[in-house]
N, C-alpha and C. Protein backbone atom coordinates (compact mmCIF):
# COMPACT_ATOMS: atom_id res chain seq x y z
N MET A 1 0.49 -1.02 -0.14
CA MET A 1 -0.21 0.09 0.17
C MET A 1 0.57 1.36 -0.44
N ILE A 2 0.01 2.63 -0.57
CA ILE A 2 1.23 3.83 -0.45
C ILE A 2 0.65 4.78 0.21
N ASP A 3 1.00 5.58 0.65
CA ASP A 3 0.74 6.54 1.21
C ASP A 3 1.54 7.95 1.30
N LEU A 4 -0.15 8.84 0.27
CA LEU A 4 -0.01 9.20 -0.65
C LEU A 4 0.59 11.32 0.17
N HIS A 5 0.46 10.90 1.29
CA HIS A 5 0.32 12.33 1.83
C HIS A 5 0.72 12.36 3.52
N CYS A 6 1.96 12.12 3.30
CA CYS A 6 2.38 12.07 5.43
C CYS A 6 3.56 13.47 5.31
N HIS A 7 3.41 13.81 6.57
CA HIS A 7 4.37 14.59 7.77
C HIS A 7 4.96 14.04 8.58
N ILE A 8 6.11 13.06 7.93
CA ILE A 8 6.59 11.84 8.54
C ILE A 8 8.55 12.83 8.71
N LEU A 9 8.63 13.31 8.26
CA LEU A 9 10.05 14.84 8.05
C LEU A 9 10.11 15.08 9.65
N PRO A 10 11.11 14.61 10.52
CA PRO A 10 11.50 14.98 11.49
C PRO A 10 11.69 16.93 11.06
N GLY A 11 11.34 17.82 12.15
CA GLY A 11 11.27 18.75 11.93
C GLY A 11 11.30 19.83 11.27
N VAL A 12 10.65 19.07 10.01
CA VAL A 12 10.66 20.38 8.59
C VAL A 12 8.85 20.66 8.66
N ASP A 13 8.21 20.63 9.33
CA ASP A 13 7.04 21.38 9.33
C ASP A 13 5.82 21.12 10.42
N ASP A 14 4.79 20.52 10.63
CA ASP A 14 4.16 20.65 11.64
C ASP A 14 3.34 19.25 11.73
N GLY A 15 4.68 18.39 11.08
CA GLY A 15 4.39 17.51 11.12
C GLY A 15 5.38 16.65 12.19
N ALA A 16 6.02 15.23 11.86
CA ALA A 16 6.76 14.52 13.07
C ALA A 16 8.50 15.86 14.03
N ALA A 17 8.53 15.95 15.07
CA ALA A 17 9.12 16.53 15.56
C ALA A 17 10.67 16.51 16.07
N SER A 18 10.82 14.90 15.77
CA SER A 18 12.20 14.88 16.34
C SER A 18 11.88 13.11 15.20
N LEU A 19 13.09 12.86 15.11
CA LEU A 19 13.48 11.20 14.19
C LEU A 19 12.92 10.40 14.43
N GLN A 20 12.89 10.78 16.35
CA GLN A 20 12.21 9.19 17.25
C GLN A 20 11.11 9.27 16.54
N GLU A 21 9.76 10.36 16.23
CA GLU A 21 8.44 10.59 16.13
C GLU A 21 8.57 10.29 14.73
N SER A 22 9.80 10.38 14.29
CA SER A 22 9.40 10.36 12.24
C SER A 22 9.38 7.95 12.65
N LEU A 23 10.44 7.55 13.23
CA LEU A 23 10.84 6.50 13.39
C LEU A 23 9.58 6.31 14.00
N SER A 24 8.74 6.65 14.94
CA SER A 24 7.31 5.66 15.27
C SER A 24 6.92 5.59 14.47
N MET A 25 6.49 6.70 13.49
CA MET A 25 5.82 7.25 12.76
C MET A 25 5.37 6.03 11.52
N ALA A 26 7.19 5.60 11.08
CA ALA A 26 7.31 4.85 10.07
C ALA A 26 6.35 3.22 10.83
N GLU A 27 7.02 3.67 11.97
CA GLU A 27 6.59 1.37 12.95
C GLU A 27 5.09 1.89 12.60
N GLN A 28 4.42 2.64 12.66
CA GLN A 28 3.15 2.32 12.64
C GLN A 28 2.11 2.46 10.72
N ALA A 29 2.63 2.88 10.07
CA ALA A 29 3.04 2.88 8.78
C ALA A 29 2.85 1.45 8.15
N ILE A 30 4.26 0.81 9.17
CA ILE A 30 4.53 -0.30 8.54
C ILE A 30 3.39 -1.17 9.14
N ALA A 31 3.23 -1.09 9.74
CA ALA A 31 2.12 -2.27 10.92
C ALA A 31 0.86 -2.47 10.20
N GLN A 32 0.13 -0.96 9.40
CA GLN A 32 -0.22 -0.70 8.44
C GLN A 32 -0.42 -1.16 7.25
N GLY A 33 0.14 -1.69 7.25
CA GLY A 33 0.85 -2.29 5.04
C GLY A 33 1.21 -1.19 3.83
N ILE A 34 1.60 -0.07 4.84
CA ILE A 34 2.07 0.19 3.76
C ILE A 34 3.90 0.52 3.55
N THR A 35 3.46 0.43 2.23
CA THR A 35 5.45 0.19 2.18
C THR A 35 5.71 0.82 1.39
N HIS A 36 5.14 2.46 0.84
CA HIS A 36 6.02 3.46 -0.04
C HIS A 36 5.12 4.66 1.01
N LEU A 37 6.04 5.23 1.05
CA LEU A 37 5.14 6.66 1.64
C LEU A 37 5.50 8.27 0.88
N LEU A 38 5.02 8.94 0.66
CA LEU A 38 5.25 9.92 -0.25
C LEU A 38 4.71 11.20 1.10
N CYS A 39 6.49 11.85 1.30
CA CYS A 39 6.66 12.72 2.13
C CYS A 39 6.17 13.65 1.69
N THR A 40 5.60 14.71 1.84
CA THR A 40 4.95 16.09 1.48
C THR A 40 4.39 17.32 2.35
N PRO A 41 5.96 17.54 3.34
CA PRO A 41 5.87 18.85 3.92
C PRO A 41 5.44 19.69 2.96
N HIS A 42 4.29 20.43 3.89
CA HIS A 42 3.61 22.10 3.32
C HIS A 42 4.97 22.84 2.97
N HIS A 43 5.01 23.62 1.70
CA HIS A 43 5.53 24.25 0.62
C HIS A 43 5.13 26.22 0.48
N ASN A 44 5.62 26.67 0.46
CA ASN A 44 4.47 28.16 0.01
C ASN A 44 3.31 28.30 0.76
N ASN A 45 2.59 28.23 1.26
CA ASN A 45 1.25 28.55 2.08
C ASN A 45 1.87 28.98 2.98
N GLY A 46 2.81 30.07 3.78
CA GLY A 46 2.55 31.36 3.85
C GLY A 46 3.28 31.08 5.22
N ARG A 47 3.33 29.98 5.71
CA ARG A 47 4.08 29.57 7.23
C ARG A 47 5.86 28.76 6.90
N TYR A 48 5.52 27.97 5.90
CA TYR A 48 6.18 27.07 5.21
C TYR A 48 6.65 27.12 3.94
N GLU A 49 8.40 27.18 4.09
CA GLU A 49 9.00 27.01 2.44
C GLU A 49 10.36 25.72 2.73
N ASN A 50 9.44 24.56 2.14
CA ASN A 50 10.58 23.83 2.13
C ASN A 50 10.69 23.47 1.10
N GLU A 51 11.67 23.84 0.24
CA GLU A 51 11.82 24.14 -0.93
C GLU A 51 12.55 22.87 -1.29
N LYS A 52 12.82 22.79 -2.66
CA LYS A 52 12.70 20.66 -3.25
C LYS A 52 13.71 20.65 -2.62
N SER A 53 15.37 20.96 -2.17
CA SER A 53 16.31 20.24 -1.73
C SER A 53 16.94 20.55 -0.68
N SER A 54 16.22 21.14 -0.46
CA SER A 54 15.90 21.07 1.49
C SER A 54 15.00 19.57 1.64
N VAL A 55 13.93 19.14 0.91
CA VAL A 55 13.25 18.21 1.09
C VAL A 55 13.90 16.91 0.59
N ILE A 56 14.76 16.72 -0.65
CA ILE A 56 14.95 16.10 -1.00
C ILE A 56 16.54 15.07 0.49
N ALA A 57 17.10 15.96 1.07
CA ALA A 57 18.16 16.01 1.61
C ALA A 57 17.21 15.37 2.57
N ALA A 58 15.97 15.73 3.04
CA ALA A 58 15.89 15.80 4.44
C ALA A 58 15.22 13.82 4.36
N VAL A 59 14.07 14.27 3.44
CA VAL A 59 14.06 12.46 3.04
C VAL A 59 15.18 11.68 2.94
N HIS A 60 16.32 12.05 2.28
CA HIS A 60 17.48 10.87 2.28
C HIS A 60 17.72 10.50 3.47
N HIS A 61 18.14 11.18 4.48
CA HIS A 61 18.40 11.73 5.46
C HIS A 61 17.60 10.52 6.60
N LEU A 62 16.23 10.48 5.98
CA LEU A 62 15.15 9.87 6.90
C LEU A 62 15.01 8.20 6.80
N GLN A 63 15.76 8.51 5.23
CA GLN A 63 15.42 7.20 4.46
C GLN A 63 16.42 5.66 5.45
N ASN A 64 17.36 6.41 5.09
CA ASN A 64 19.15 6.05 5.54
C ASN A 64 18.73 5.47 6.66
N ALA A 65 18.51 6.52 8.08
CA ALA A 65 18.06 5.94 9.72
C ALA A 65 16.53 4.42 9.31
N LEU A 66 15.74 5.13 8.56
CA LEU A 66 14.59 3.30 8.24
C LEU A 66 15.62 1.97 7.96
N ASP A 67 16.96 2.63 7.03
CA ASP A 67 17.45 1.62 6.28
C ASP A 67 18.36 1.14 7.44
N GLU A 68 19.27 1.15 8.60
CA GLU A 68 20.06 1.31 9.20
C GLU A 68 19.25 0.24 10.69
N ARG A 69 17.36 0.71 10.29
CA ARG A 69 16.66 0.29 11.45
C ARG A 69 16.55 -0.83 10.85
N ASN A 70 16.49 -1.13 9.65
CA ASN A 70 16.30 -3.26 8.97
C ASN A 70 14.09 -2.51 8.85
N LEU A 71 13.81 -1.43 8.60
CA LEU A 71 12.33 -0.85 8.75
C LEU A 71 11.94 -1.23 7.25
N PRO A 72 11.52 -1.63 6.61
CA PRO A 72 10.92 -1.74 4.83
C PRO A 72 10.38 -1.36 4.59
N LEU A 73 9.99 0.19 4.17
CA LEU A 73 9.61 1.22 3.83
C LEU A 73 10.06 2.23 3.17
N THR A 74 9.85 2.51 1.99
CA THR A 74 10.88 3.80 0.97
C THR A 74 9.38 4.38 1.06
N LEU A 75 10.56 5.53 1.08
CA LEU A 75 10.02 7.05 1.06
C LEU A 75 10.61 7.22 -0.82
N LEU A 76 9.02 8.17 -0.68
CA LEU A 76 9.29 9.26 -1.71
C LEU A 76 9.14 11.25 -1.50
N GLU A 77 9.73 11.72 -2.46
CA GLU A 77 10.01 13.07 -1.88
C GLU A 77 8.90 13.71 -2.91
N GLY A 78 8.01 14.37 -2.21
CA GLY A 78 7.16 15.48 -2.45
C GLY A 78 6.91 16.42 -2.24
N GLN A 79 6.05 17.52 -2.40
CA GLN A 79 5.54 18.21 -0.73
C GLN A 79 4.49 19.04 -1.48
N GLU A 80 3.54 19.25 -0.06
CA GLU A 80 2.59 20.09 -0.13
C GLU A 80 2.50 21.43 -0.77
N VAL A 81 1.69 21.63 -2.00
CA VAL A 81 2.18 22.94 -2.75
C VAL A 81 0.80 23.82 -2.76
N ARG A 82 0.94 24.91 -2.00
CA ARG A 82 -0.19 25.75 -2.14
C ARG A 82 -0.34 26.48 -3.70
N VAL A 83 -1.42 26.77 -4.03
CA VAL A 83 -1.45 27.83 -5.40
C VAL A 83 -1.86 28.96 -5.76
N THR A 84 -0.99 29.39 -6.15
CA THR A 84 -0.89 30.95 -5.73
C THR A 84 -0.35 31.14 -7.01
N GLY A 85 -0.51 32.37 -7.55
CA GLY A 85 -0.08 32.66 -9.08
C GLY A 85 0.93 32.66 -9.68
N GLU A 86 2.28 32.05 -8.16
CA GLU A 86 3.78 31.83 -8.87
C GLU A 86 4.13 30.41 -9.33
N LEU A 87 2.99 29.66 -9.22
CA LEU A 87 2.92 28.03 -9.55
C LEU A 87 3.98 27.42 -10.83
N ILE A 88 2.94 28.62 -12.00
CA ILE A 88 3.28 28.08 -12.72
C ILE A 88 5.08 28.87 -13.20
N THR A 89 5.49 29.72 -12.37
CA THR A 89 6.63 30.34 -12.85
C THR A 89 7.86 29.37 -11.61
N ALA A 90 7.11 28.41 -10.89
CA ALA A 90 8.02 27.37 -9.72
C ALA A 90 8.18 26.50 -10.58
N ILE A 91 7.04 26.43 -11.22
CA ILE A 91 6.97 24.94 -12.35
C ILE A 91 8.68 25.15 -12.90
N GLU A 92 7.91 25.93 -13.81
CA GLU A 92 9.43 26.40 -15.18
C GLU A 92 10.30 26.10 -14.90
N LYS A 93 10.89 26.49 -13.46
CA LYS A 93 11.98 26.37 -13.11
C LYS A 93 12.78 25.71 -11.82
N ASP A 94 11.49 24.45 -12.48
CA ASP A 94 12.20 23.58 -11.47
C ASP A 94 12.52 22.95 -9.97
N HIS A 95 11.01 23.74 -9.04
CA HIS A 95 11.75 24.34 -7.95
C HIS A 95 10.32 23.35 -7.57
N LEU A 96 9.33 22.56 -7.54
CA LEU A 96 8.77 21.67 -6.88
C LEU A 96 9.09 20.22 -8.00
N LEU A 97 8.55 19.47 -6.64
CA LEU A 97 8.57 17.90 -6.39
C LEU A 97 7.17 17.64 -6.72
N PHE A 98 7.27 16.92 -7.60
CA PHE A 98 5.44 15.71 -8.23
C PHE A 98 6.07 14.88 -7.80
N THR A 99 4.28 13.66 -7.72
CA THR A 99 3.89 12.72 -7.16
C THR A 99 5.12 11.96 -8.28
N ASP A 100 5.42 11.14 -8.28
CA ASP A 100 6.54 10.11 -8.87
C ASP A 100 6.55 8.69 -8.65
N ILE A 101 6.18 7.94 -8.75
CA ILE A 101 6.23 7.09 -8.12
C ILE A 101 6.30 5.55 -9.05
N THR A 102 7.86 5.84 -8.60
CA THR A 102 7.92 4.93 -9.69
C THR A 102 8.62 3.28 -9.22
N ASP A 103 9.24 2.81 -8.30
CA ASP A 103 9.50 2.12 -7.49
C ASP A 103 8.53 1.47 -6.43
N THR A 104 7.58 0.40 -7.60
CA THR A 104 6.89 0.25 -6.94
C THR A 104 6.52 -1.17 -7.09
């Protein structure tokens, strides 16, 4: 099963506050049969600016922590993007992450 919306990245937005909380969330997801999880921190919502490169780095860091603990969960990069007048420009500049689940 694939979870398409999760704020599991530690300390990134209003989701998990710590690595331990992220790991706990991962264990709960695994127990529910989730194998892949799209990390979707808020971006450009007036409160949070989680740029593409920082999300990719945070996902990589958390995936390494999961792998070190042999937790069978594959994380994918994404963003919960607010639609604004600058959306097209952000897309043209390759500043946004899109849902692309090819590792299933």
